Amino acid sequence: MNKIILMGRLTRDPEVRYSQSANPMPIARYSIAVDKKIKRDDGITADFFNLVAFDRHATFAEKYLRKGTKIAVSGRVQTGRYEKDGVNIPFFEVVVEEQEFAESKNASQSAGTDTGAEQSYVDENGFMQVPDDMEELPFN
């Protein structure tokens, strides 16, 4: 079985190109940074994964995903080699089979900036803390 599930933030906006066939298909390439649970001695705190999405997943990426957006992705690992200047270079990428937003738009926008109000109730893991002065919870 070849299955990988990742959650992380886009490191750049998706780059979309179209295949050169009778019915051009969109192909999106982007990458995500996935935080490590344990910080390494060399200071690296994330792993980076290259993603490739086809057809409707590529259209979704082009329309909705931007640098910094937190997403959850599942797909399959694809490896191969290509030649550049006479040298064989191996590559590793994830072919997207499913993708979805991993946080709200408001949380995504405030993740990079500490503006106060909305972020004041969010802990370091991204969970909202219920204020002590809240009398009723918004659900039964």
N, C-alpha and C. Protein backbone atom coordinates (compact mmCIF):
# COMPACT_ATOMS: atom_id res chain seq x y z
N MET A 1 0.84 -1.18 0.00
CA MET A 1 0.00 0.00 0.00
C MET A 1 0.89 1.24 0.00
N ASN A 2 0.54 2.20 -0.80
CA ASN A 2 1.29 3.45 -0.91
C ASN A 2 0.35 4.58 -0.54
N LYS A 3 0.40 5.04 0.71
CA LYS A 3 -0.51 6.08 1.20
C LYS A 3 0.23 6.96 2.18
N ILE A 4 0.08 8.29 2.02
CA ILE A 4 0.71 9.23 2.93
C ILE A 4 -0.32 10.29 3.30
N ILE A 5 -0.33 10.68 4.57
CA ILE A 5 -1.22 11.72 5.06
C ILE A 5 -0.37 12.79 5.73
N LEU A 6 -0.55 14.03 5.32
CA LEU A 6 0.25 15.14 5.82
C LEU A 6 -0.64 16.32 6.19
N MET A 7 -0.19 17.09 7.17
CA MET A 7 -0.84 18.35 7.51
C MET A 7 0.24 19.40 7.69
N GLY A 8 0.12 20.48 6.96
CA GLY A 8 1.12 21.53 7.06
C GLY A 8 0.69 22.78 6.33
N ARG A 9 1.60 23.74 6.26
CA ARG A 9 1.32 25.03 5.63
C ARG A 9 2.06 25.14 4.30
N LEU A 10 1.38 25.74 3.32
CA LEU A 10 2.01 25.95 2.02
C LEU A 10 3.20 26.88 2.16
N THR A 11 4.30 26.52 1.52
CA THR A 11 5.50 27.34 1.56
C THR A 11 5.53 28.36 0.44
N ARG A 12 4.65 28.18 -0.54
CA ARG A 12 4.57 29.11 -1.67
C ARG A 12 3.21 28.92 -2.33
N ASP A 13 2.81 29.87 -3.15
CA ASP A 13 1.56 29.74 -3.91
C ASP A 13 1.71 28.60 -4.92
N PRO A 14 0.61 27.88 -5.19
CA PRO A 14 0.68 26.81 -6.19
C PRO A 14 1.03 27.36 -7.57
N GLU A 15 1.83 26.59 -8.30
CA GLU A 15 2.18 26.92 -9.68
C GLU A 15 1.37 25.98 -10.58
N VAL A 16 0.53 26.54 -11.43
CA VAL A 16 -0.37 25.72 -12.25
C VAL A 16 0.02 25.84 -13.72
N ARG A 17 0.12 24.69 -14.36
CA ARG A 17 0.36 24.60 -15.80
C ARG A 17 -0.69 23.67 -16.38
N TYR A 18 -0.79 23.65 -17.68
CA TYR A 18 -1.78 22.81 -18.34
C TYR A 18 -1.09 21.83 -19.28
N SER A 19 -1.59 20.59 -19.31
CA SER A 19 -1.02 19.58 -20.19
C SER A 19 -1.28 19.98 -21.64
N GLN A 20 -0.46 19.47 -22.53
CA GLN A 20 -0.60 19.80 -23.94
C GLN A 20 -1.28 18.65 -24.67
N SER A 21 -2.54 18.44 -24.34
CA SER A 21 -3.32 17.40 -24.99
C SER A 21 -4.55 18.04 -25.62
N ALA A 22 -5.39 17.22 -26.24
CA ALA A 22 -6.59 17.75 -26.87
C ALA A 22 -7.48 18.44 -25.84
N ASN A 23 -7.56 17.88 -24.65
CA ASN A 23 -8.29 18.50 -23.53
C ASN A 23 -7.27 18.84 -22.45
N PRO A 24 -6.75 20.06 -22.45
CA PRO A 24 -5.71 20.42 -21.47
C PRO A 24 -6.18 20.21 -20.02
N MET A 25 -5.34 19.53 -19.23
CA MET A 25 -5.65 19.26 -17.84
C MET A 25 -4.73 20.11 -16.96
N PRO A 26 -5.30 20.76 -15.93
CA PRO A 26 -4.45 21.54 -15.03
C PRO A 26 -3.59 20.63 -14.15
N ILE A 27 -2.35 21.06 -13.93
CA ILE A 27 -1.41 20.35 -13.07
C ILE A 27 -0.81 21.39 -12.14
N ALA A 28 -1.03 21.22 -10.83
CA ALA A 28 -0.54 22.19 -9.85
C ALA A 28 0.62 21.58 -9.08
N ARG A 29 1.64 22.38 -8.85
CA ARG A 29 2.78 21.98 -8.03
C ARG A 29 2.93 22.98 -6.90
N TYR A 30 3.07 22.48 -5.69
CA TYR A 30 3.26 23.32 -4.51
C TYR A 30 3.93 22.49 -3.44
N SER A 31 4.30 23.11 -2.35
CA SER A 31 4.97 22.37 -1.28
C SER A 31 4.41 22.81 0.06
N ILE A 32 4.53 21.91 1.03
CA ILE A 32 4.09 22.23 2.39
C ILE A 32 5.20 21.93 3.39
N ALA A 33 5.16 22.68 4.48
CA ALA A 33 6.07 22.45 5.61
C ALA A 33 5.27 21.78 6.71
N VAL A 34 5.75 20.64 7.16
CA VAL A 34 5.09 19.88 8.22
C VAL A 34 5.97 19.97 9.46
N ASP A 35 5.43 20.54 10.54
CA ASP A 35 6.20 20.71 11.77
C ASP A 35 6.62 19.38 12.35
N LYS A 36 7.84 19.36 12.89
CA LYS A 36 8.34 18.18 13.59
C LYS A 36 7.87 18.25 15.05
N LYS A 37 7.61 17.11 15.65
CA LYS A 37 7.24 17.09 17.06
C LYS A 37 8.45 17.38 17.95
N ILE A 38 9.62 16.93 17.50
CA ILE A 38 10.84 17.12 18.28
C ILE A 38 11.79 17.99 17.49
N LYS A 39 12.30 19.04 18.12
CA LYS A 39 13.26 19.92 17.45
C LYS A 39 14.62 19.25 17.42
N ARG A 40 15.25 19.30 16.24
CA ARG A 40 16.55 18.69 16.08
C ARG A 40 17.65 19.63 16.56
N ASP A 41 18.82 19.08 16.82
CA ASP A 41 19.96 19.87 17.26
C ASP A 41 20.40 20.90 16.22
N ASP A 42 20.18 20.58 14.94
CA ASP A 42 20.61 21.50 13.89
C ASP A 42 19.61 22.64 13.63
N GLY A 43 18.53 22.72 14.43
CA GLY A 43 17.59 23.82 14.33
C GLY A 43 16.47 23.61 13.34
N ILE A 44 16.46 22.50 12.61
CA ILE A 44 15.39 22.25 11.64
C ILE A 44 14.12 21.84 12.40
N THR A 45 13.04 22.57 12.13
CA THR A 45 11.80 22.32 12.87
C THR A 45 10.67 21.80 11.97
N ALA A 46 10.95 21.60 10.69
CA ALA A 46 9.90 21.13 9.77
C ALA A 46 10.50 20.25 8.68
N ASP A 47 9.65 19.39 8.14
CA ASP A 47 9.97 18.62 6.94
C ASP A 47 9.20 19.25 5.79
N PHE A 48 9.78 19.25 4.61
CA PHE A 48 9.17 19.88 3.44
C PHE A 48 8.83 18.81 2.41
N PHE A 49 7.61 18.88 1.89
CA PHE A 49 7.13 17.90 0.92
C PHE A 49 6.65 18.61 -0.34
N ASN A 50 7.09 18.13 -1.50
CA ASN A 50 6.61 18.63 -2.78
C ASN A 50 5.34 17.88 -3.14
N LEU A 51 4.30 18.62 -3.55
CA LEU A 51 3.03 18.03 -3.92
C LEU A 51 2.74 18.31 -5.38
N VAL A 52 2.06 17.38 -6.03
CA VAL A 52 1.57 17.58 -7.38
C VAL A 52 0.11 17.15 -7.40
N ALA A 53 -0.75 18.03 -7.95
CA ALA A 53 -2.18 17.76 -8.01
C ALA A 53 -2.64 17.87 -9.46
N PHE A 54 -3.56 17.00 -9.83
CA PHE A 54 -4.08 16.98 -11.19
C PHE A 54 -5.57 17.31 -11.21
N ASP A 55 -6.02 17.79 -12.35
CA ASP A 55 -7.43 17.99 -12.67
C ASP A 55 -8.16 18.82 -11.60
N ARG A 56 -9.20 18.27 -10.96
CA ARG A 56 -10.00 19.07 -10.02
C ARG A 56 -9.21 19.47 -8.78
N HIS A 57 -8.26 18.65 -8.37
CA HIS A 57 -7.43 19.02 -7.21
C HIS A 57 -6.52 20.19 -7.57
N ALA A 58 -6.05 20.22 -8.79
CA ALA A 58 -5.21 21.34 -9.26
C ALA A 58 -6.04 22.62 -9.36
N THR A 59 -7.26 22.49 -9.86
CA THR A 59 -8.15 23.65 -9.96
C THR A 59 -8.45 24.21 -8.58
N PHE A 60 -8.70 23.32 -7.60
CA PHE A 60 -8.95 23.74 -6.22
C PHE A 60 -7.73 24.48 -5.67
N ALA A 61 -6.55 23.93 -5.89
CA ALA A 61 -5.32 24.54 -5.40
C ALA A 61 -5.13 25.93 -5.99
N GLU A 62 -5.34 26.04 -7.30
CA GLU A 62 -5.17 27.32 -7.98
C GLU A 62 -6.14 28.37 -7.44
N LYS A 63 -7.36 27.96 -7.18
CA LYS A 63 -8.42 28.89 -6.79
C LYS A 63 -8.35 29.29 -5.31
N TYR A 64 -8.02 28.34 -4.42
CA TYR A 64 -8.17 28.59 -2.99
C TYR A 64 -6.89 28.59 -2.16
N LEU A 65 -5.83 27.95 -2.62
CA LEU A 65 -4.65 27.81 -1.76
C LEU A 65 -3.64 28.92 -2.00
N ARG A 66 -3.08 29.42 -0.91
CA ARG A 66 -2.06 30.47 -0.96
C ARG A 66 -0.97 30.14 0.06
N LYS A 67 0.16 30.77 -0.10
CA LYS A 67 1.26 30.60 0.83
C LYS A 67 0.75 30.84 2.26
N GLY A 68 1.09 29.91 3.17
CA GLY A 68 0.69 30.03 4.56
C GLY A 68 -0.59 29.30 4.92
N THR A 69 -1.38 28.88 3.92
CA THR A 69 -2.62 28.16 4.17
C THR A 69 -2.30 26.79 4.77
N LYS A 70 -3.01 26.44 5.84
CA LYS A 70 -2.82 25.13 6.46
C LYS A 70 -3.79 24.14 5.83
N ILE A 71 -3.24 23.03 5.30
CA ILE A 71 -4.07 22.03 4.65
C ILE A 71 -3.72 20.63 5.16
N ALA A 72 -4.68 19.74 4.99
CA ALA A 72 -4.48 18.31 5.22
C ALA A 72 -4.55 17.65 3.86
N VAL A 73 -3.59 16.79 3.58
CA VAL A 73 -3.47 16.15 2.27
C VAL A 73 -3.28 14.65 2.46
N SER A 74 -3.94 13.88 1.62
CA SER A 74 -3.61 12.46 1.55
C SER A 74 -3.33 12.14 0.09
N GLY A 75 -2.45 11.20 -0.12
CA GLY A 75 -2.08 10.85 -1.47
C GLY A 75 -1.12 9.68 -1.50
N ARG A 76 -0.38 9.60 -2.59
CA ARG A 76 0.59 8.52 -2.72
C ARG A 76 1.95 9.10 -3.06
N VAL A 77 2.98 8.41 -2.64
CA VAL A 77 4.34 8.85 -2.90
C VAL A 77 4.75 8.40 -4.29
N GLN A 78 5.38 9.29 -5.01
CA GLN A 78 5.89 8.99 -6.35
C GLN A 78 7.37 9.36 -6.38
N THR A 79 8.18 8.43 -6.83
CA THR A 79 9.61 8.70 -6.95
C THR A 79 10.03 8.51 -8.39
N GLY A 80 11.16 9.07 -8.73
CA GLY A 80 11.67 8.93 -10.09
C GLY A 80 13.01 9.63 -10.23
N ARG A 81 13.45 9.75 -11.44
CA ARG A 81 14.72 10.42 -11.74
C ARG A 81 14.55 11.25 -13.00
N TYR A 82 15.31 12.33 -13.07
CA TYR A 82 15.39 13.10 -14.30
C TYR A 82 16.83 13.50 -14.50
N GLU A 83 17.16 13.83 -15.73
CA GLU A 83 18.54 14.18 -16.04
C GLU A 83 18.68 15.68 -16.22
N LYS A 84 19.68 16.25 -15.57
CA LYS A 84 19.97 17.68 -15.71
C LYS A 84 21.48 17.83 -15.85
N ASP A 85 21.90 18.43 -16.94
CA ASP A 85 23.32 18.64 -17.23
C ASP A 85 24.11 17.33 -17.15
N GLY A 86 23.50 16.24 -17.63
CA GLY A 86 24.17 14.96 -17.66
C GLY A 86 24.21 14.22 -16.34
N VAL A 87 23.52 14.75 -15.33
CA VAL A 87 23.50 14.12 -14.01
C VAL A 87 22.09 13.63 -13.71
N ASN A 88 21.97 12.37 -13.26
CA ASN A 88 20.68 11.83 -12.85
C ASN A 88 20.32 12.36 -11.46
N ILE A 89 19.16 13.00 -11.36
CA ILE A 89 18.72 13.58 -10.09
C ILE A 89 17.44 12.87 -9.65
N PRO A 90 17.46 12.24 -8.47
CA PRO A 90 16.25 11.58 -7.98
C PRO A 90 15.26 12.61 -7.44
N PHE A 91 13.95 12.28 -7.53
CA PHE A 91 12.95 13.16 -6.93
C PHE A 91 11.94 12.33 -6.15
N PHE A 92 11.26 13.00 -5.25
CA PHE A 92 10.26 12.42 -4.36
C PHE A 92 9.14 13.44 -4.29
N GLU A 93 7.91 13.04 -4.60
CA GLU A 93 6.78 13.96 -4.49
C GLU A 93 5.54 13.19 -4.08
N VAL A 94 4.55 13.93 -3.60
CA VAL A 94 3.28 13.35 -3.18
C VAL A 94 2.23 13.72 -4.22
N VAL A 95 1.58 12.71 -4.79
CA VAL A 95 0.48 12.94 -5.72
C VAL A 95 -0.79 13.07 -4.88
N VAL A 96 -1.43 14.23 -4.95
CA VAL A 96 -2.59 14.53 -4.13
C VAL A 96 -3.80 13.72 -4.59
N GLU A 97 -4.42 13.01 -3.64
CA GLU A 97 -5.66 12.29 -3.90
C GLU A 97 -6.83 12.94 -3.17
N GLU A 98 -6.54 13.58 -2.03
CA GLU A 98 -7.53 14.32 -1.27
C GLU A 98 -6.82 15.49 -0.61
N GLN A 99 -7.52 16.62 -0.49
CA GLN A 99 -6.97 17.77 0.22
C GLN A 99 -8.12 18.60 0.77
N GLU A 100 -7.87 19.20 1.92
CA GLU A 100 -8.88 20.06 2.51
C GLU A 100 -8.21 21.06 3.44
N PHE A 101 -8.94 22.12 3.75
CA PHE A 101 -8.43 23.12 4.67
C PHE A 101 -8.32 22.51 6.06
N ALA A 102 -7.27 22.86 6.80
CA ALA A 102 -7.07 22.33 8.14
C ALA A 102 -7.37 23.38 9.21
N GLU A 103 -7.77 24.58 8.80
CA GLU A 103 -8.17 25.61 9.75
C GLU A 103 -9.08 26.59 9.03
N SER A 104 -9.75 27.42 9.82
CA SER A 104 -10.65 28.39 9.23
C SER A 104 -9.88 29.48 8.52
N LYS A 105 -10.56 30.21 7.67
CA LYS A 105 -9.92 31.30 6.94
C LYS A 105 -9.42 32.36 7.91
N ASN A 106 -10.21 32.67 8.94
CA ASN A 106 -9.79 33.67 9.94
C ASN A 106 -8.54 33.23 10.68
N ALA A 107 -8.48 31.96 11.06
CA ALA A 107 -7.30 31.45 11.77
C ALA A 107 -6.09 31.49 10.86
N SER A 108 -6.29 31.17 9.59
CA SER A 108 -5.20 31.19 8.62
C SER A 108 -4.64 32.59 8.45
N GLN A 109 -5.53 33.58 8.38
CA GLN A 109 -5.08 34.96 8.20
C GLN A 109 -4.38 35.49 9.43
N SER A 110 -4.82 35.06 10.62
CA SER A 110 -4.20 35.58 11.84
C SER A 110 -3.00 34.77 12.30
N ALA A 111 -2.74 33.63 11.65
CA ALA A 111 -1.62 32.77 12.06
C ALA A 111 -0.28 33.48 11.93
N GLY A 112 -0.15 34.29 10.90
CA GLY A 112 1.13 34.96 10.67
C GLY A 112 1.28 36.27 11.41
N THR A 113 0.18 36.81 11.91
CA THR A 113 0.25 38.10 12.60
C THR A 113 -0.48 38.01 13.93
N ASP A 114 0.11 38.55 14.95
CA ASP A 114 -0.50 38.55 16.27
C ASP A 114 -1.25 39.87 16.46
N THR A 115 -2.53 39.87 16.04
CA THR A 115 -3.31 41.09 16.09
C THR A 115 -4.14 41.20 17.36
N GLY A 116 -4.23 40.16 18.14
CA GLY A 116 -4.92 40.30 19.41
C GLY A 116 -6.20 39.53 19.51
N ALA A 117 -7.33 40.16 19.25
CA ALA A 117 -8.66 39.67 19.57
C ALA A 117 -8.89 38.19 19.30
N GLU A 118 -8.90 37.78 18.04
CA GLU A 118 -9.21 36.40 17.73
C GLU A 118 -8.13 35.44 18.22
N GLN A 119 -6.89 35.83 18.14
CA GLN A 119 -5.81 34.94 18.47
C GLN A 119 -5.58 34.81 19.98
N SER A 120 -6.16 35.70 20.77
CA SER A 120 -5.91 35.69 22.20
C SER A 120 -6.43 34.43 22.87
N TYR A 121 -7.43 33.75 22.28
CA TYR A 121 -7.98 32.54 22.87
C TYR A 121 -7.39 31.27 22.26
N VAL A 122 -6.42 31.37 21.38
CA VAL A 122 -5.84 30.22 20.71
C VAL A 122 -4.51 29.87 21.37
N ASP A 123 -4.38 28.59 21.79
CA ASP A 123 -3.13 28.17 22.43
C ASP A 123 -2.07 27.83 21.38
N GLU A 124 -0.90 27.38 21.83
CA GLU A 124 0.21 27.11 20.91
C GLU A 124 -0.06 25.95 19.96
N ASN A 125 -1.07 25.11 20.27
CA ASN A 125 -1.43 24.00 19.40
C ASN A 125 -2.55 24.35 18.43
N GLY A 126 -3.04 25.60 18.50
CA GLY A 126 -4.08 26.04 17.58
C GLY A 126 -5.49 25.79 18.07
N PHE A 127 -5.65 25.35 19.33
CA PHE A 127 -6.98 25.10 19.87
C PHE A 127 -7.49 26.34 20.59
N MET A 128 -8.79 26.59 20.43
CA MET A 128 -9.40 27.75 21.08
C MET A 128 -9.68 27.41 22.53
N GLN A 129 -9.27 28.30 23.42
CA GLN A 129 -9.53 28.14 24.85
C GLN A 129 -10.81 28.88 25.19
N VAL A 130 -11.70 28.24 25.94
CA VAL A 130 -12.96 28.86 26.32
C VAL A 130 -12.68 29.87 27.42
N PRO A 131 -13.09 31.13 27.23
CA PRO A 131 -12.85 32.16 28.25
C PRO A 131 -13.61 31.84 29.53
N ASP A 132 -13.05 32.21 30.68
CA ASP A 132 -13.68 31.96 31.96
C ASP A 132 -15.00 32.69 32.11
N ASP A 133 -15.14 33.85 31.50
CA ASP A 133 -16.36 34.64 31.66
C ASP A 133 -17.49 34.24 30.70
N MET A 134 -17.30 33.20 29.90
CA MET A 134 -18.35 32.74 28.98
C MET A 134 -19.36 31.91 29.75
N GLU A 135 -20.63 32.34 29.73
CA GLU A 135 -21.65 31.67 30.51
C GLU A 135 -22.24 30.45 29.80
N GLU A 136 -22.42 30.55 28.50
CA GLU A 136 -22.98 29.46 27.72
C GLU A 136 -22.04 29.07 26.60
N LEU A 137 -21.96 27.78 26.35
CA LEU A 137 -21.20 27.31 25.20
C LEU A 137 -22.12 27.30 23.98
N PRO A 138 -21.59 27.49 22.79
CA PRO A 138 -22.43 27.62 21.60
C PRO A 138 -22.95 26.29 21.05
N PHE A 139 -23.05 25.24 21.89
CA PHE A 139 -23.59 23.97 21.45
C PHE A 139 -24.19 23.26 22.65
N ASN A 140 -25.02 22.24 22.41
CA ASN A 140 -25.68 21.50 23.51
C ASN A 140 -24.84 20.36 23.99
